[in-house]
Amino acid sequence: MPTVPVTELRPSQLYLSAAKLRAVLEWFDVDEPTYGPLPAFRHDGEWYLADGHTRAFVAWLAGADRFPVERDRSVRTDHDFAVYRRCVEWCAEAGVRTVPDLRGRVVGPDAYERRWVERCRRVAEE
């Protein structure tokens, strides 16, 4: 299983949900971090998170400098990859290029739904 340096794993979302962050912090052992590989995909020669942004963020807070990743092929086969591409573009435009760049982007559940989920939904509907 490949591992990717924290500086080379790109997010594909702009915000983290405070509710999800609380939930991950409840089970994540910062002293003995164990969590499964993060689902990721390759695009334009880079690794991007397909999911697991909150786990990655908490692992980084706990001192992780590399992340185990597992290639998520469903991003291209089961989902509309154009939506993922647009999300990647939004991240680049906002300067969210690595997991640490998500600091300051933790929002409450309502704001997360409004700022992120609805935004992605609109792109999927286009």
C-alpha atoms as a PDB file:
ATOM      1  CA  MET A   1       0.000   0.000   0.000  1.00  0.00           C
ATOM      2  CA  PRO A   2       1.509   3.332  -0.992  1.00  0.00           C
ATOM      3  CA  THR A   3       2.015   6.168   1.450  1.00  0.00           C
ATOM      4  CA  VAL A   4       1.921   9.765   0.324  1.00  0.00           C
ATOM      5  CA  PRO A   5       3.689  12.664   2.066  1.00  0.00           C
ATOM      6  CA  VAL A   6       1.344  15.178   3.667  1.00  0.00           C
ATOM      7  CA  THR A   7       2.732  17.814   1.294  1.00  0.00           C
ATOM      8  CA  GLU A   8       1.728  15.747  -1.760  1.00  0.00           C
ATOM      9  CA  LEU A   9      -1.809  14.603  -0.927  1.00  0.00           C
ATOM     10  CA  ARG A  10      -4.301  17.076  -2.363  1.00  0.00           C
ATOM     11  CA  PRO A  11      -7.767  17.691  -0.904  1.00  0.00           C
ATOM     12  CA  SER A  12     -10.835  17.569  -3.098  1.00  0.00           C
ATOM     13  CA  GLN A  13     -13.062  19.512  -0.704  1.00  0.00           C
ATOM     14  CA  LEU A  14     -12.880  23.033   0.675  1.00  0.00           C
ATOM     15  CA  TYR A  15     -14.413  22.567   4.127  1.00  0.00           C
ATOM     16  CA  LEU A  16     -14.578  20.113   7.000  1.00  0.00           C
ATOM     17  CA  SER A  17     -17.724  19.536   9.014  1.00  0.00           C
ATOM     18  CA  ALA A  18     -17.305  20.282  12.730  1.00  0.00           C
ATOM     19  CA  ALA A  19     -19.713  17.418  13.475  1.00  0.00           C
ATOM     20  CA  LYS A  20     -17.583  14.955  11.503  1.00  0.00           C
ATOM     21  CA  LEU A  21     -14.461  16.313  13.156  1.00  0.00           C
ATOM     22  CA  ARG A  22     -15.965  15.719  16.626  1.00  0.00           C
ATOM     23  CA  ALA A  23     -16.937  12.180  15.623  1.00  0.00           C
ATOM     24  CA  VAL A  24     -13.446  11.326  14.360  1.00  0.00           C
ATOM     25  CA  LEU A  25     -11.829  12.832  17.451  1.00  0.00           C
ATOM     26  CA  GLU A  26     -13.955  10.492  19.604  1.00  0.00           C
ATOM     27  CA  TRP A  27     -12.394   7.319  18.175  1.00  0.00           C
ATOM     28  CA  PHE A  28      -9.025   8.492  16.886  1.00  0.00           C
ATOM     29  CA  ASP A  29      -6.182   7.585  19.236  1.00  0.00           C
ATOM     30  CA  VAL A  30      -3.630  10.381  18.887  1.00  0.00           C
ATOM     31  CA  ASP A  31      -1.079   8.410  20.914  1.00  0.00           C
ATOM     32  CA  GLU A  32      -1.413   5.264  18.782  1.00  0.00           C
ATOM     33  CA  PRO A  33      -2.947   6.425  15.514  1.00  0.00           C
ATOM     34  CA  THR A  34      -4.460   3.576  13.574  1.00  0.00           C
ATOM     35  CA  TYR A  35      -6.831   4.193  10.735  1.00  0.00           C
ATOM     36  CA  GLY A  36      -7.359   2.483   7.442  1.00  0.00           C
ATOM     37  CA  PRO A  37      -5.928   3.729   4.185  1.00  0.00           C
ATOM     38  CA  LEU A  38      -7.454   6.897   2.809  1.00  0.00           C
ATOM     39  CA  PRO A  39      -9.314   6.555  -0.490  1.00  0.00           C
ATOM     40  CA  ALA A  40      -7.436   8.544  -3.120  1.00  0.00           C
ATOM     41  CA  PHE A  41      -7.203   8.920  -6.870  1.00  0.00           C
ATOM     42  CA  ARG A  42      -4.530  10.061  -9.314  1.00  0.00           C
ATOM     43  CA  HIS A  43      -5.230  13.049 -11.521  1.00  0.00           C
ATOM     44  CA  ASP A  44      -2.722  14.993 -13.615  1.00  0.00           C
ATOM     45  CA  GLY A  45       0.130  13.180 -11.879  1.00  0.00           C
ATOM     46  CA  GLU A  46      -1.038  14.075  -8.351  1.00  0.00           C
ATOM     47  CA  TRP A  47      -2.706  12.148  -5.527  1.00  0.00           C
ATOM     48  CA  TYR A  48      -6.089  13.532  -4.403  1.00  0.00           C
ATOM     49  CA  LEU A  49      -8.276  12.470  -1.512  1.00  0.00           C
ATOM     50  CA  ALA A  50     -11.559  11.002  -2.702  1.00  0.00           C
ATOM     51  CA  ASP A  51     -12.857  10.828   0.872  1.00  0.00           C
ATOM     52  CA  GLY A  52     -11.431  10.732   4.376  1.00  0.00           C
ATOM     53  CA  HIS A  53     -10.532  14.427   4.569  1.00  0.00           C
ATOM     54  CA  THR A  54     -11.458  14.612   8.253  1.00  0.00           C
ATOM     55  CA  ARG A  55      -9.422  11.511   9.139  1.00  0.00           C
ATOM     56  CA  ALA A  56      -6.466  12.924   7.223  1.00  0.00           C
ATOM     57  CA  PHE A  57      -6.781  16.265   9.004  1.00  0.00           C
ATOM     58  CA  VAL A  58      -6.905  14.635  12.453  1.00  0.00           C
ATOM     59  CA  ALA A  59      -3.945  12.390  11.573  1.00  0.00           C
ATOM     60  CA  TRP A  60      -2.010  15.478  10.507  1.00  0.00           C
ATOM     61  CA  LEU A  61      -2.918  17.234  13.769  1.00  0.00           C
ATOM     62  CA  ALA A  62      -1.563  14.173  15.588  1.00  0.00           C
ATOM     63  CA  GLY A  63       1.744  14.510  13.728  1.00  0.00           C
ATOM     64  CA  ALA A  64       1.379  12.326  10.637  1.00  0.00           C
ATOM     65  CA  ASP A  65       3.744  13.340   7.870  1.00  0.00           C
ATOM     66  CA  ARG A  66       2.661  10.563   5.468  1.00  0.00           C
ATOM     67  CA  PHE A  67      -0.723   9.016   4.763  1.00  0.00           C
ATOM     68  CA  PRO A  68      -1.488   5.453   3.696  1.00  0.00           C
ATOM     69  CA  VAL A  69      -3.674   5.609   0.590  1.00  0.00           C
ATOM     70  CA  GLU A  70      -5.656   3.123  -1.409  1.00  0.00           C
ATOM     71  CA  ARG A  71      -6.505   3.925  -5.007  1.00  0.00           C
ATOM     72  CA  ASP A  72     -10.237   4.540  -5.291  1.00  0.00           C
ATOM     73  CA  ARG A  73     -11.133   3.623  -8.844  1.00  0.00           C
ATOM     74  CA  SER A  74     -14.849   4.222  -8.181  1.00  0.00           C
ATOM     75  CA  VAL A  75     -14.205   7.964  -8.490  1.00  0.00           C
ATOM     76  CA  ARG A  76     -13.997   7.469 -12.245  1.00  0.00           C
ATOM     77  CA  THR A  77     -16.280   4.464 -12.707  1.00  0.00           C
ATOM     78  CA  ASP A  78     -19.189   5.034 -10.301  1.00  0.00           C
ATOM     79  CA  HIS A  79     -19.221   8.830  -9.913  1.00  0.00           C
ATOM     80  CA  ASP A  80     -19.309  11.842 -12.160  1.00  0.00           C
ATOM     81  CA  PHE A  81     -15.600  12.619 -12.390  1.00  0.00           C
ATOM     82  CA  ALA A  82     -16.381  16.084 -13.775  1.00  0.00           C
ATOM     83  CA  VAL A  83     -17.685  16.976 -10.300  1.00  0.00           C
ATOM     84  CA  TYR A  84     -14.425  15.815  -8.711  1.00  0.00           C
ATOM     85  CA  ARG A  85     -12.442  17.834 -11.270  1.00  0.00           C
ATOM     86  CA  ARG A  86     -14.449  20.938 -10.432  1.00  0.00           C
ATOM     87  CA  CYS A  87     -13.906  20.374  -6.701  1.00  0.00           C
ATOM     88  CA  VAL A  88     -10.161  20.064  -7.321  1.00  0.00           C
ATOM     89  CA  GLU A  89     -10.263  23.352  -9.270  1.00  0.00           C
ATOM     90  CA  TRP A  90     -12.093  25.103  -6.411  1.00  0.00           C
ATOM     91  CA  CYS A  91      -9.463  23.875  -3.973  1.00  0.00           C
ATOM     92  CA  ALA A  92      -6.628  25.152  -6.155  1.00  0.00           C
ATOM     93  CA  GLU A  93      -8.356  28.518  -6.614  1.00  0.00           C
ATOM     94  CA  ALA A  94      -8.803  28.851  -2.819  1.00  0.00           C
ATOM     95  CA  GLY A  95      -5.219  27.830  -2.042  1.00  0.00           C
ATOM     96  CA  VAL A  96      -6.256  24.527  -0.453  1.00  0.00           C
ATOM     97  CA  ARG A  97      -3.437  22.407  -1.831  1.00  0.00           C
ATOM     98  CA  THR A  98      -2.630  20.127   1.123  1.00  0.00           C
ATOM     99  CA  VAL A  99      -4.431  18.688   4.135  1.00  0.00           C
ATOM    100  CA  PRO A 100      -2.929  21.330   6.489  1.00  0.00           C
ATOM    101  CA  ASP A 101      -4.549  24.005   4.300  1.00  0.00           C
ATOM    102  CA  LEU A 102      -7.917  22.833   5.668  1.00  0.00           C
ATOM    103  CA  ARG A 103      -7.156  24.519   9.008  1.00  0.00           C
ATOM    104  CA  GLY A 104      -9.507  27.429   9.474  1.00  0.00           C
ATOM    105  CA  ARG A 105     -12.027  25.706   7.192  1.00  0.00           C
ATOM    106  CA  VAL A 106     -13.942  23.742   9.827  1.00  0.00           C
ATOM    107  CA  VAL A 107     -17.569  24.840   9.792  1.00  0.00           C
ATOM    108  CA  GLY A 108     -20.788  23.842  11.548  1.00  0.00           C
ATOM    109  CA  PRO A 109     -23.162  21.314   9.980  1.00  0.00           C
ATOM    110  CA  ASP A 110     -25.505  23.920   8.468  1.00  0.00           C
ATOM    111  CA  ALA A 111     -22.652  25.929   6.969  1.00  0.00           C
ATOM    112  CA  TYR A 112     -21.057  22.724   5.678  1.00  0.00           C
ATOM    113  CA  GLU A 113     -24.293  21.741   3.954  1.00  0.00           C
ATOM    114  CA  ARG A 114     -24.744  25.223   2.481  1.00  0.00           C
ATOM    115  CA  ARG A 115     -21.131  26.019   1.541  1.00  0.00           C
ATOM    116  CA  TRP A 116     -20.025  22.611   0.344  1.00  0.00           C
ATOM    117  CA  VAL A 117     -22.692  19.956  -0.169  1.00  0.00           C
ATOM    118  CA  GLU A 118     -25.122  22.243  -1.986  1.00  0.00           C
ATOM    119  CA  ARG A 119     -22.302  23.683  -4.099  1.00  0.00           C
ATOM    120  CA  CYS A 120     -21.284  20.195  -5.230  1.00  0.00           C
ATOM    121  CA  ARG A 121     -24.900  19.230  -5.815  1.00  0.00           C
ATOM    122  CA  ARG A 122     -25.376  22.225  -8.149  1.00  0.00           C
ATOM    123  CA  VAL A 123     -22.346  21.188 -10.225  1.00  0.00           C
ATOM    124  CA  ALA A 124     -23.615  17.596 -10.414  1.00  0.00           C
ATOM    125  CA  GLU A 125     -26.975  18.831 -11.689  1.00  0.00           C
ATOM    126  CA  GLU A 126     -25.428  20.929 -14.489  1.00  0.00           C
END
